[in-house]
PDB file of N, CA and C in Angstrom:
ATOM      1  N   UNK A   1       0.844  -1.175   0.000  1.00  0.00           N
ATOM      2  CA  UNK A   1       0.000   0.000   0.000  1.00  0.00           C
ATOM      3  C   UNK A   1       0.888   1.236   0.000  1.00  0.00           C
ATOM      4  N   UNK A   2       0.461   2.204  -0.717  1.00  0.00           N
ATOM      5  CA  UNK A   2       1.192   3.460  -0.775  1.00  0.00           C
ATOM      6  C   UNK A   2       0.663   4.403   0.297  1.00  0.00           C
ATOM      7  N   UNK A   3       1.551   4.910   1.129  1.00  0.00           N
ATOM      8  CA  UNK A   3       1.144   5.840   2.182  1.00  0.00           C
ATOM      9  C   UNK A   3       1.086   7.245   1.618  1.00  0.00           C
ATOM     10  N   UNK A   4       0.293   8.112   2.215  1.00  0.00           N
ATOM     11  CA  UNK A   4      -0.619   7.833   3.321  1.00  0.00           C
ATOM     12  C   UNK A   4      -1.925   7.209   2.835  1.00  0.00           C
ATOM     13  N   UNK A   5      -2.559   6.511   3.752  1.00  0.00           N
ATOM     14  CA  UNK A   5      -3.892   5.950   3.542  1.00  0.00           C
ATOM     15  C   UNK A   5      -4.555   5.875   4.914  1.00  0.00           C
ATOM     16  N   UNK A   6      -5.800   5.444   4.952  1.00  0.00           N
ATOM     17  CA  UNK A   6      -6.550   5.414   6.204  1.00  0.00           C
ATOM     18  C   UNK A   6      -6.845   3.982   6.619  1.00  0.00           C
ATOM     19  N   UNK A   7      -6.859   3.769   7.929  1.00  0.00           N
ATOM     20  CA  UNK A   7      -7.242   2.483   8.507  1.00  0.00           C
ATOM     21  C   UNK A   7      -8.454   2.697   9.404  1.00  0.00           C
ATOM     22  N   UNK A   8      -9.462   1.874   9.225  1.00  0.00           N
ATOM     23  CA  UNK A   8     -10.617   1.856  10.123  1.00  0.00           C
ATOM     24  C   UNK A   8     -10.465   0.604  10.979  1.00  0.00           C
ATOM     25  N   UNK A   9     -10.279   0.815  12.279  1.00  0.00           N
ATOM     26  CA  UNK A   9     -10.085  -0.288  13.212  1.00  0.00           C
ATOM     27  C   UNK A   9     -11.393  -0.501  13.968  1.00  0.00           C
ATOM     28  N   UNK A  10     -11.982  -1.662  13.768  1.00  0.00           N
ATOM     29  CA  UNK A  10     -13.258  -2.017  14.396  1.00  0.00           C
ATOM     30  C   UNK A  10     -12.988  -3.135  15.391  1.00  0.00           C
ATOM     31  N   UNK A  11     -13.094  -2.831  16.682  1.00  0.00           N
ATOM     32  CA  UNK A  11     -12.935  -3.852  17.714  1.00  0.00           C
ATOM     33  C   UNK A  11     -14.299  -4.113  18.329  1.00  0.00           C
ATOM     34  N   UNK A  12     -14.565  -5.392  18.644  1.00  0.00           N
ATOM     35  CA  UNK A  12     -15.900  -5.729  19.136  1.00  0.00           C
ATOM     36  C   UNK A  12     -15.873  -6.927  20.074  1.00  0.00           C
ATOM     37  N   UNK A  13     -16.891  -6.978  20.914  1.00  0.00           N
ATOM     38  CA  UNK A  13     -17.208  -8.188  21.661  1.00  0.00           C
ATOM     39  C   UNK A  13     -18.593  -8.619  21.200  1.00  0.00           C
ATOM     40  N   UNK A  14     -18.734  -9.912  20.960  1.00  0.00           N
ATOM     41  CA  UNK A  14     -19.958 -10.462  20.378  1.00  0.00           C
ATOM     42  C   UNK A  14     -20.920 -10.973  21.427  1.00  0.00           C
ATOM     43  N   UNK A  15     -22.167 -11.049  21.034  1.00  0.00           N
ATOM     44  CA  UNK A  15     -23.177 -11.739  21.820  1.00  0.00           C
ATOM     45  C   UNK A  15     -22.981 -13.247  21.620  1.00  0.00           C
ATOM     46  N   UNK A  16     -23.678 -14.044  22.397  1.00  0.00           N
ATOM     47  CA  UNK A  16     -23.582 -15.498  22.281  1.00  0.00           C
ATOM     48  C   UNK A  16     -24.360 -15.967  21.055  1.00  0.00           C
ATOM     49  N   UNK A  17     -23.783 -16.896  20.311  1.00  0.00           N
ATOM     50  CA  UNK A  17     -24.445 -17.463  19.137  1.00  0.00           C
ATOM     51  C   UNK A  17     -24.136 -16.684  17.877  1.00  0.00           C
ATOM     52  N   UNK A  18     -24.346 -17.322  16.752  1.00  0.00           N
ATOM     53  CA  UNK A  18     -24.053 -16.694  15.459  1.00  0.00           C
ATOM     54  C   UNK A  18     -25.152 -15.724  15.047  1.00  0.00           C
ATOM     55  N   UNK A  19     -26.401 -16.140  15.186  1.00  0.00           N
ATOM     56  CA  UNK A  19     -27.559 -15.298  14.855  1.00  0.00           C
ATOM     57  C   UNK A  19     -27.475 -14.675  13.463  1.00  0.00           C
ATOM     58  N   UNK A  20     -26.888 -15.404  12.517  1.00  0.00           N
ATOM     59  CA  UNK A  20     -26.765 -14.908  11.148  1.00  0.00           C
ATOM     60  C   UNK A  20     -25.548 -14.041  10.902  1.00  0.00           C
ATOM     61  N   UNK A  21     -24.716 -13.858  11.920  1.00  0.00           N
ATOM     62  CA  UNK A  21     -23.560 -12.964  11.818  1.00  0.00           C
ATOM     63  C   UNK A  21     -22.577 -13.392  10.728  1.00  0.00           C
ATOM     64  N   UNK A  22     -22.210 -14.671  10.710  1.00  0.00           N
ATOM     65  CA  UNK A  22     -21.195 -15.154   9.779  1.00  0.00           C
ATOM     66  C   UNK A  22     -21.530 -14.870   8.328  1.00  0.00           C
ATOM     67  N   UNK A  23     -22.767 -15.127   7.968  1.00  0.00           N
ATOM     68  CA  UNK A  23     -23.209 -14.909   6.583  1.00  0.00           C
ATOM     69  C   UNK A  23     -23.134 -13.426   6.211  1.00  0.00           C
ATOM     70  N   UNK A  24     -23.614 -12.564   7.090  1.00  0.00           N
ATOM     71  CA  UNK A  24     -23.604 -11.129   6.810  1.00  0.00           C
ATOM     72  C   UNK A  24     -22.187 -10.571   6.834  1.00  0.00           C
ATOM     73  N   UNK A  25     -21.344 -11.064   7.751  1.00  0.00           N
ATOM     74  CA  UNK A  25     -19.958 -10.598   7.807  1.00  0.00           C
ATOM     75  C   UNK A  25     -19.239 -10.888   6.487  1.00  0.00           C
ATOM     76  N   UNK A  26     -19.439 -12.070   5.949  1.00  0.00           N
ATOM     77  CA  UNK A  26     -18.833 -12.423   4.657  1.00  0.00           C
ATOM     78  C   UNK A  26     -19.375 -11.530   3.542  1.00  0.00           C
ATOM     79  N   UNK A  27     -20.685 -11.297   3.541  1.00  0.00           N
ATOM     80  CA  UNK A  27     -21.293 -10.427   2.541  1.00  0.00           C
ATOM     81  C   UNK A  27     -20.743  -9.002   2.644  1.00  0.00           C
ATOM     82  N   UNK A  28     -20.586  -8.495   3.873  1.00  0.00           N
ATOM     83  CA  UNK A  28     -20.059  -7.142   4.065  1.00  0.00           C
ATOM     84  C   UNK A  28     -18.634  -7.026   3.541  1.00  0.00           C
ATOM     85  N   UNK A  29     -17.823  -8.051   3.780  1.00  0.00           N
ATOM     86  CA  UNK A  29     -16.450  -8.018   3.274  1.00  0.00           C
ATOM     87  C   UNK A  29     -16.428  -7.991   1.750  1.00  0.00           C
ATOM     88  N   UNK A  30     -17.237  -8.832   1.124  1.00  0.00           N
ATOM     89  CA  UNK A  30     -17.290  -8.848  -0.339  1.00  0.00           C
ATOM     90  C   UNK A  30     -17.815  -7.518  -0.885  1.00  0.00           C
ATOM     91  N   UNK A  31     -18.795  -6.938  -0.216  1.00  0.00           N
ATOM     92  CA  UNK A  31     -19.351  -5.656  -0.638  1.00  0.00           C
ATOM     93  C   UNK A  31     -18.322  -4.537  -0.478  1.00  0.00           C
ATOM     94  N   UNK A  32     -17.611  -4.529   0.642  1.00  0.00           N
ATOM     95  CA  UNK A  32     -16.591  -3.499   0.879  1.00  0.00           C
ATOM     96  C   UNK A  32     -15.526  -3.540  -0.207  1.00  0.00           C
ATOM     97  N   UNK A  33     -15.153  -4.730  -0.639  1.00  0.00           N
ATOM     98  CA  UNK A  33     -14.121  -4.878  -1.670  1.00  0.00           C
ATOM     99  C   UNK A  33     -14.523  -4.230  -2.988  1.00  0.00           C
ATOM    100  N   UNK A  34     -15.813  -4.024  -3.213  1.00  0.00           N
ATOM    101  CA  UNK A  34     -16.307  -3.405  -4.439  1.00  0.00           C
ATOM    102  C   UNK A  34     -16.436  -1.891  -4.325  1.00  0.00           C
ATOM    103  N   UNK A  35     -16.226  -1.342  -3.122  1.00  0.00           N
ATOM    104  CA  UNK A  35     -16.420   0.093  -2.897  1.00  0.00           C
ATOM    105  C   UNK A  35     -15.242   0.896  -3.438  1.00  0.00           C
ATOM    106  N   UNK A  36     -15.520   2.039  -4.078  1.00  0.00           N
ATOM    107  CA  UNK A  36     -14.430   2.916  -4.502  1.00  0.00           C
ATOM    108  C   UNK A  36     -13.593   3.341  -3.303  1.00  0.00           C
ATOM    109  N   UNK A  37     -12.288   3.284  -3.460  1.00  0.00           N
ATOM    110  CA  UNK A  37     -11.384   3.698  -2.404  1.00  0.00           C
ATOM    111  C   UNK A  37     -10.983   2.598  -1.446  1.00  0.00           C
ATOM    112  N   UNK A  38     -11.566   1.392  -1.570  1.00  0.00           N
ATOM    113  CA  UNK A  38     -11.209   0.274  -0.705  1.00  0.00           C
ATOM    114  C   UNK A  38      -9.830  -0.238  -1.087  1.00  0.00           C
ATOM    115  N   UNK A  39      -8.986  -0.509  -0.089  1.00  0.00           N
ATOM    116  CA  UNK A  39      -7.635  -1.023  -0.341  1.00  0.00           C
ATOM    117  C   UNK A  39      -7.489  -2.468   0.126  1.00  0.00           C
ATOM    118  N   UNK A  40      -7.988  -2.787   1.327  1.00  0.00           N
ATOM    119  CA  UNK A  40      -7.809  -4.137   1.851  1.00  0.00           C
ATOM    120  C   UNK A  40      -8.459  -4.306   3.206  1.00  0.00           C
ATOM    121  N   UNK A  41      -8.357  -5.538   3.742  1.00  0.00           N
ATOM    122  CA  UNK A  41      -8.977  -5.844   5.033  1.00  0.00           C
ATOM    123  C   UNK A  41      -8.198  -6.963   5.716  1.00  0.00           C
ATOM    124  N   UNK A  42      -8.128  -6.892   7.048  1.00  0.00           N
ATOM    125  CA  UNK A  42      -7.532  -7.931   7.877  1.00  0.00           C
ATOM    126  C   UNK A  42      -8.452  -8.118   9.079  1.00  0.00           C
ATOM    127  N   UNK A  43      -8.568  -9.364   9.551  1.00  0.00           N
ATOM    128  CA  UNK A  43      -9.499  -9.618  10.644  1.00  0.00           C
ATOM    129  C   UNK A  43      -9.005 -10.765  11.513  1.00  0.00           C
ATOM    130  N   UNK A  44      -9.310 -10.685  12.813  1.00  0.00           N
ATOM    131  CA  UNK A  44      -8.989 -11.747  13.762  1.00  0.00           C
ATOM    132  C   UNK A  44     -10.056 -11.760  14.847  1.00  0.00           C
ATOM    133  N   UNK A  45     -10.335 -12.955  15.388  1.00  0.00           N
ATOM    134  CA  UNK A  45     -11.318 -13.050  16.462  1.00  0.00           C
ATOM    135  C   UNK A  45     -10.841 -14.076  17.474  1.00  0.00           C
ATOM    136  N   UNK A  46     -10.772 -13.635  18.712  1.00  0.00           N
ATOM    137  CA  UNK A  46     -10.571 -14.516  19.858  1.00  0.00           C
ATOM    138  C   UNK A  46     -11.603 -14.074  20.895  1.00  0.00           C
ATOM    139  N   UNK A  47     -11.149 -13.539  22.028  1.00  0.00           N
ATOM    140  CA  UNK A  47     -12.100 -13.004  23.002  1.00  0.00           C
ATOM    141  C   UNK A  47     -12.740 -11.722  22.467  1.00  0.00           C
ATOM    142  N   UNK A  48     -11.974 -10.970  21.704  1.00  0.00           N
ATOM    143  CA  UNK A  48     -12.510  -9.796  21.019  1.00  0.00           C
ATOM    144  C   UNK A  48     -12.255  -9.959  19.527  1.00  0.00           C
ATOM    145  N   UNK A  49     -13.049  -9.278  18.727  1.00  0.00           N
ATOM    146  CA  UNK A  49     -12.839  -9.273  17.290  1.00  0.00           C
ATOM    147  C   UNK A  49     -12.148  -7.980  16.900  1.00  0.00           C
ATOM    148  N   UNK A  50     -11.227  -8.095  15.970  1.00  0.00           N
ATOM    149  CA  UNK A  50     -10.550  -6.920  15.433  1.00  0.00           C
ATOM    150  C   UNK A  50     -10.569  -7.029  13.921  1.00  0.00           C
ATOM    151  N   UNK A  51     -11.181  -6.045  13.284  1.00  0.00           N
ATOM    152  CA  UNK A  51     -11.163  -5.957  11.825  1.00  0.00           C
ATOM    153  C   UNK A  51     -10.603  -4.598  11.464  1.00  0.00           C
ATOM    154  N   UNK A  52      -9.595  -4.621  10.603  1.00  0.00           N
ATOM    155  CA  UNK A  52      -8.998  -3.382  10.125  1.00  0.00           C
ATOM    156  C   UNK A  52      -9.225  -3.330   8.619  1.00  0.00           C
ATOM    157  N   UNK A  53      -9.915  -2.289   8.179  1.00  0.00           N
ATOM    158  CA  UNK A  53     -10.083  -2.081   6.740  1.00  0.00           C
ATOM    159  C   UNK A  53      -9.279  -0.851   6.342  1.00  0.00           C
ATOM    160  N   UNK A  54      -8.784  -0.874   5.119  1.00  0.00           N
ATOM    161  CA  UNK A  54      -7.896   0.180   4.629  1.00  0.00           C
ATOM    162  C   UNK A  54      -8.555   0.900   3.461  1.00  0.00           C
ATOM    163  N   UNK A  55      -8.425   2.228   3.473  1.00  0.00           N
ATOM    164  CA  UNK A  55      -9.129   3.071   2.517  1.00  0.00           C
ATOM    165  C   UNK A  55      -8.221   4.184   2.001  1.00  0.00           C
ATOM    166  N   UNK A  56      -8.510   4.626   0.792  1.00  0.00           N
ATOM    167  CA  UNK A  56      -7.729   5.697   0.171  1.00  0.00           C
ATOM    168  C   UNK A  56      -8.010   7.061   0.772  1.00  0.00           C
ATOM    169  N   UNK A  57      -9.232   7.280   1.286  1.00  0.00           N
ATOM    170  CA  UNK A  57      -9.601   8.626   1.736  1.00  0.00           C
ATOM    171  C   UNK A  57     -10.687   8.572   2.802  1.00  0.00           C
ATOM    172  N   UNK A  58     -10.836   9.676   3.503  1.00  0.00           N
ATOM    173  CA  UNK A  58     -11.931   9.831   4.467  1.00  0.00           C
ATOM    174  C   UNK A  58     -13.269   9.766   3.735  1.00  0.00           C
ATOM    175  N   UNK A  59     -13.340  10.350   2.549  1.00  0.00           N
ATOM    176  CA  UNK A  59     -14.595  10.312   1.781  1.00  0.00           C
ATOM    177  C   UNK A  59     -15.001   8.881   1.449  1.00  0.00           C
ATOM    178  N   UNK A  60     -14.039   8.024   1.107  1.00  0.00           N
ATOM    179  CA  UNK A  60     -14.346   6.621   0.812  1.00  0.00           C
ATOM    180  C   UNK A  60     -14.888   5.930   2.062  1.00  0.00           C
ATOM    181  N   UNK A  61     -14.331   6.244   3.225  1.00  0.00           N
ATOM    182  CA  UNK A  61     -14.816   5.674   4.488  1.00  0.00           C
ATOM    183  C   UNK A  61     -16.245   6.142   4.763  1.00  0.00           C
ATOM    184  N   UNK A  62     -16.507   7.423   4.575  1.00  0.00           N
ATOM    185  CA  UNK A  62     -17.853   7.954   4.805  1.00  0.00           C
ATOM    186  C   UNK A  62     -18.864   7.332   3.853  1.00  0.00           C
ATOM    187  N   UNK A  63     -18.469   7.157   2.589  1.00  0.00           N
ATOM    188  CA  UNK A  63     -19.372   6.519   1.623  1.00  0.00           C
ATOM    189  C   UNK A  63     -19.685   5.083   2.040  1.00  0.00           C
ATOM    190  N   UNK A  64     -18.684   4.341   2.518  1.00  0.00           N
ATOM    191  CA  UNK A  64     -18.904   2.973   2.969  1.00  0.00           C
ATOM    192  C   UNK A  64     -19.835   2.950   4.187  1.00  0.00           C
ATOM    193  N   UNK A  65     -19.613   3.860   5.126  1.00  0.00           N
ATOM    194  CA  UNK A  65     -20.456   3.907   6.318  1.00  0.00           C
ATOM    195  C   UNK A  65     -21.920   4.135   5.959  1.00  0.00           C
ATOM    196  N   UNK A  66     -22.184   4.863   4.889  1.00  0.00           N
ATOM    197  CA  UNK A  66     -23.546   5.193   4.482  1.00  0.00           C
ATOM    198  C   UNK A  66     -24.119   4.258   3.416  1.00  0.00           C
ATOM    199  N   UNK A  67     -23.361   3.248   2.996  1.00  0.00           N
ATOM    200  CA  UNK A  67     -23.837   2.314   1.986  1.00  0.00           C
ATOM    201  C   UNK A  67     -25.066   1.577   2.543  1.00  0.00           C
ATOM    202  N   UNK A  68     -26.114   1.437   1.743  1.00  0.00           N
ATOM    203  CA  UNK A  68     -27.419   0.954   2.222  1.00  0.00           C
ATOM    204  C   UNK A  68     -27.350  -0.397   2.931  1.00  0.00           C
ATOM    205  N   UNK A  69     -26.716  -1.398   2.331  1.00  0.00           N
ATOM    206  CA  UNK A  69     -26.632  -2.712   2.961  1.00  0.00           C
ATOM    207  C   UNK A  69     -25.784  -2.660   4.234  1.00  0.00           C
ATOM    208  N   UNK A  70     -24.757  -1.826   4.216  1.00  0.00           N
ATOM    209  CA  UNK A  70     -23.912  -1.677   5.403  1.00  0.00           C
ATOM    210  C   UNK A  70     -24.697  -1.018   6.539  1.00  0.00           C
ATOM    211  N   UNK A  71     -25.547  -0.053   6.219  1.00  0.00           N
ATOM    212  CA  UNK A  71     -26.397   0.564   7.239  1.00  0.00           C
ATOM    213  C   UNK A  71     -27.309  -0.466   7.901  1.00  0.00           C
ATOM    214  N   UNK A  72     -27.880  -1.365   7.106  1.00  0.00           N
ATOM    215  CA  UNK A  72     -28.740  -2.422   7.654  1.00  0.00           C
ATOM    216  C   UNK A  72     -27.939  -3.351   8.562  1.00  0.00           C
ATOM    217  N   UNK A  73     -26.726  -3.704   8.145  1.00  0.00           N
ATOM    218  CA  UNK A  73     -25.875  -4.574   8.956  1.00  0.00           C
ATOM    219  C   UNK A  73     -25.488  -3.891  10.268  1.00  0.00           C
ATOM    220  N   UNK A  74     -25.246  -2.584  10.222  1.00  0.00           N
ATOM    221  CA  UNK A  74     -24.918  -1.848  11.442  1.00  0.00           C
ATOM    222  C   UNK A  74     -26.074  -1.927  12.443  1.00  0.00           C
ATOM    223  N   UNK A  75     -27.294  -1.737  11.965  1.00  0.00           N
ATOM    224  CA  UNK A  75     -28.468  -1.819  12.842  1.00  0.00           C
ATOM    225  C   UNK A  75     -28.637  -3.225  13.413  1.00  0.00           C
ATOM    226  N   UNK A  76     -28.432  -4.236  12.576  1.00  0.00           N
ATOM    227  CA  UNK A  76     -28.534  -5.624  13.023  1.00  0.00           C
ATOM    228  C   UNK A  76     -27.455  -5.927  14.062  1.00  0.00           C
ATOM    229  N   UNK A  77     -26.265  -5.379  13.859  1.00  0.00           N
ATOM    230  CA  UNK A  77     -25.182  -5.577  14.810  1.00  0.00           C
ATOM    231  C   UNK A  77     -25.522  -5.049  16.185  1.00  0.00           C
ATOM    232  N   UNK A  78     -26.089  -3.857  16.245  1.00  0.00           N
ATOM    233  CA  UNK A  78     -26.480  -3.267  17.528  1.00  0.00           C
ATOM    234  C   UNK A  78     -27.596  -4.083  18.169  1.00  0.00           C
ATOM    235  N   UNK A  79     -28.544  -4.540  17.355  1.00  0.00           N
ATOM    236  CA  UNK A  79     -29.695  -5.274  17.888  1.00  0.00           C
ATOM    237  C   UNK A  79     -29.338  -6.696  18.319  1.00  0.00           C
ATOM    238  N   UNK A  80     -28.425  -7.371  17.593  1.00  0.00           N
ATOM    239  CA  UNK A  80     -28.266  -8.814  17.809  1.00  0.00           C
ATOM    240  C   UNK A  80     -26.849  -9.358  17.954  1.00  0.00           C
ATOM    241  N   UNK A  81     -25.829  -8.713  17.428  1.00  0.00           N
ATOM    242  CA  UNK A  81     -24.519  -9.359  17.328  1.00  0.00           C
ATOM    243  C   UNK A  81     -23.461  -8.853  18.294  1.00  0.00           C
ATOM    244  N   UNK A  82     -23.554  -7.602  18.726  1.00  0.00           N
ATOM    245  CA  UNK A  82     -22.475  -7.024  19.522  1.00  0.00           C
ATOM    246  C   UNK A  82     -22.927  -6.665  20.926  1.00  0.00           C
ATOM    247  N   UNK A  83     -22.083  -7.006  21.895  1.00  0.00           N
ATOM    248  CA  UNK A  83     -22.248  -6.479  23.240  1.00  0.00           C
ATOM    249  C   UNK A  83     -21.614  -5.093  23.306  1.00  0.00           C
ATOM    250  N   UNK A  84     -20.539  -4.908  22.539  1.00  0.00           N
ATOM    251  CA  UNK A  84     -19.883  -3.600  22.477  1.00  0.00           C
ATOM    252  C   UNK A  84     -19.012  -3.540  21.228  1.00  0.00           C
ATOM    253  N   UNK A  85     -18.738  -2.325  20.792  1.00  0.00           N
ATOM    254  CA  UNK A  85     -17.751  -2.134  19.725  1.00  0.00           C
ATOM    255  C   UNK A  85     -17.190  -0.723  19.787  1.00  0.00           C
ATOM    256  N   UNK A  86     -16.026  -0.558  19.180  1.00  0.00           N
ATOM    257  CA  UNK A  86     -15.372   0.738  19.049  1.00  0.00           C
ATOM    258  C   UNK A  86     -14.827   0.839  17.633  1.00  0.00           C
ATOM    259  N   UNK A  87     -14.974   2.007  17.035  1.00  0.00           N
ATOM    260  CA  UNK A  87     -14.427   2.275  15.713  1.00  0.00           C
ATOM    261  C   UNK A  87     -13.385   3.376  15.864  1.00  0.00           C
ATOM    262  N   UNK A  88     -12.218   3.125  15.302  1.00  0.00           N
ATOM    263  CA  UNK A  88     -11.146   4.121  15.294  1.00  0.00           C
ATOM    264  C   UNK A  88     -10.729   4.337  13.850  1.00  0.00           C
ATOM    265  N   UNK A  89     -10.577   5.595  13.459  1.00  0.00           N
ATOM    266  CA  UNK A  89     -10.156   5.928  12.102  1.00  0.00           C
ATOM    267  C   UNK A  89      -8.800   6.620  12.205  1.00  0.00           C
ATOM    268  N   UNK A  90      -7.822   6.052  11.513  1.00  0.00           N
ATOM    269  CA  UNK A  90      -6.443   6.508  11.645  1.00  0.00           C
ATOM    270  C   UNK A  90      -5.829   6.803  10.279  1.00  0.00           C
ATOM    271  N   UNK A  91      -4.979   7.791  10.235  1.00  0.00           N
ATOM    272  CA  UNK A  91      -4.184   8.072   9.051  1.00  0.00           C
ATOM    273  C   UNK A  91      -2.872   7.304   9.174  1.00  0.00           C
ATOM    274  N   UNK A  92      -2.586   6.453   8.216  1.00  0.00           N
ATOM    275  CA  UNK A  92      -1.333   5.697   8.204  1.00  0.00           C
ATOM    276  C   UNK A  92      -0.333   6.496   7.374  1.00  0.00           C
ATOM    277  N   UNK A  93       0.686   6.976   8.040  1.00  0.00           N
ATOM    278  CA  UNK A  93       1.691   7.804   7.370  1.00  0.00           C
ATOM    279  C   UNK A  93       2.911   7.010   6.936  1.00  0.00           C
ATOM    280  N   UNK A  94       3.133   5.895   7.608  1.00  0.00           N
ATOM    281  CA  UNK A  94       4.310   5.081   7.305  1.00  0.00           C
ATOM    282  C   UNK A  94       3.985   3.636   7.655  1.00  0.00           C
ATOM    283  N   UNK A  95       4.562   2.700   6.914  1.00  0.00           N
ATOM    284  CA  UNK A  95       4.406   1.286   7.233  1.00  0.00           C
ATOM    285  C   UNK A  95       5.694   0.554   6.892  1.00  0.00           C
ATOM    286  N   UNK A  96       5.909  -0.543   7.573  1.00  0.00           N
ATOM    287  CA  UNK A  96       7.002  -1.462   7.234  1.00  0.00           C
ATOM    288  C   UNK A  96       6.600  -2.841   7.712  1.00  0.00           C
ATOM    289  N   UNK A  97       7.248  -3.873   7.174  1.00  0.00           N
ATOM    290  CA  UNK A  97       6.862  -5.228   7.533  1.00  0.00           C
ATOM    291  C   UNK A  97       8.041  -6.177   7.385  1.00  0.00           C
ATOM    292  N   UNK A  98       7.856  -7.380   7.879  1.00  0.00           N
ATOM    293  CA  UNK A  98       8.802  -8.480   7.772  1.00  0.00           C
ATOM    294  C   UNK A  98       8.031  -9.710   7.360  1.00  0.00           C
ATOM    295  N   UNK A  99       8.580 -10.475   6.453  1.00  0.00           N
ATOM    296  CA  UNK A  99       7.938 -11.703   6.021  1.00  0.00           C
ATOM    297  C   UNK A  99       9.019 -12.733   5.713  1.00  0.00           C
ATOM    298  N   UNK A 100       9.175 -13.704   6.599  1.00  0.00           N
ATOM    299  CA  UNK A 100      10.233 -14.718   6.454  1.00  0.00           C
ATOM    300  C   UNK A 100      10.074 -15.532   5.171  1.00  0.00           C
ATOM    301  N   UNK A 101       8.852 -15.745   4.701  1.00  0.00           N
ATOM    302  CA  UNK A 101       8.636 -16.619   3.543  1.00  0.00           C
ATOM    303  C   UNK A 101       8.808 -15.918   2.210  1.00  0.00           C
ATOM    304  N   UNK A 102       9.038 -14.620   2.200  1.00  0.00           N
ATOM    305  CA  UNK A 102       9.194 -13.915   0.901  1.00  0.00           C
ATOM    306  C   UNK A 102      10.611 -13.954   0.409  1.00  0.00           C
TER     307      UNK A 102
END
């Protein structure tokens, strides 16, 4: 990824049971990948869930937040899937990495 870019960090604790979460989460990821300005996504879940999505601009993030299907998923999340969540939006100015297998 070419810096600078934006990262949306979504951390959450889930309610008990799937309640349709898995299917919608997969759909949201596929939908996000089609959005203008989308760069990538990484996700992990143990006691808490952490999903980081990467975007070219604040405008791309705002457009994704207001996307119709995403709005419905947000409402469903509050009603059925999350005990809590936090969203953080960050400007990534620099990055570096290590990969033994490359």
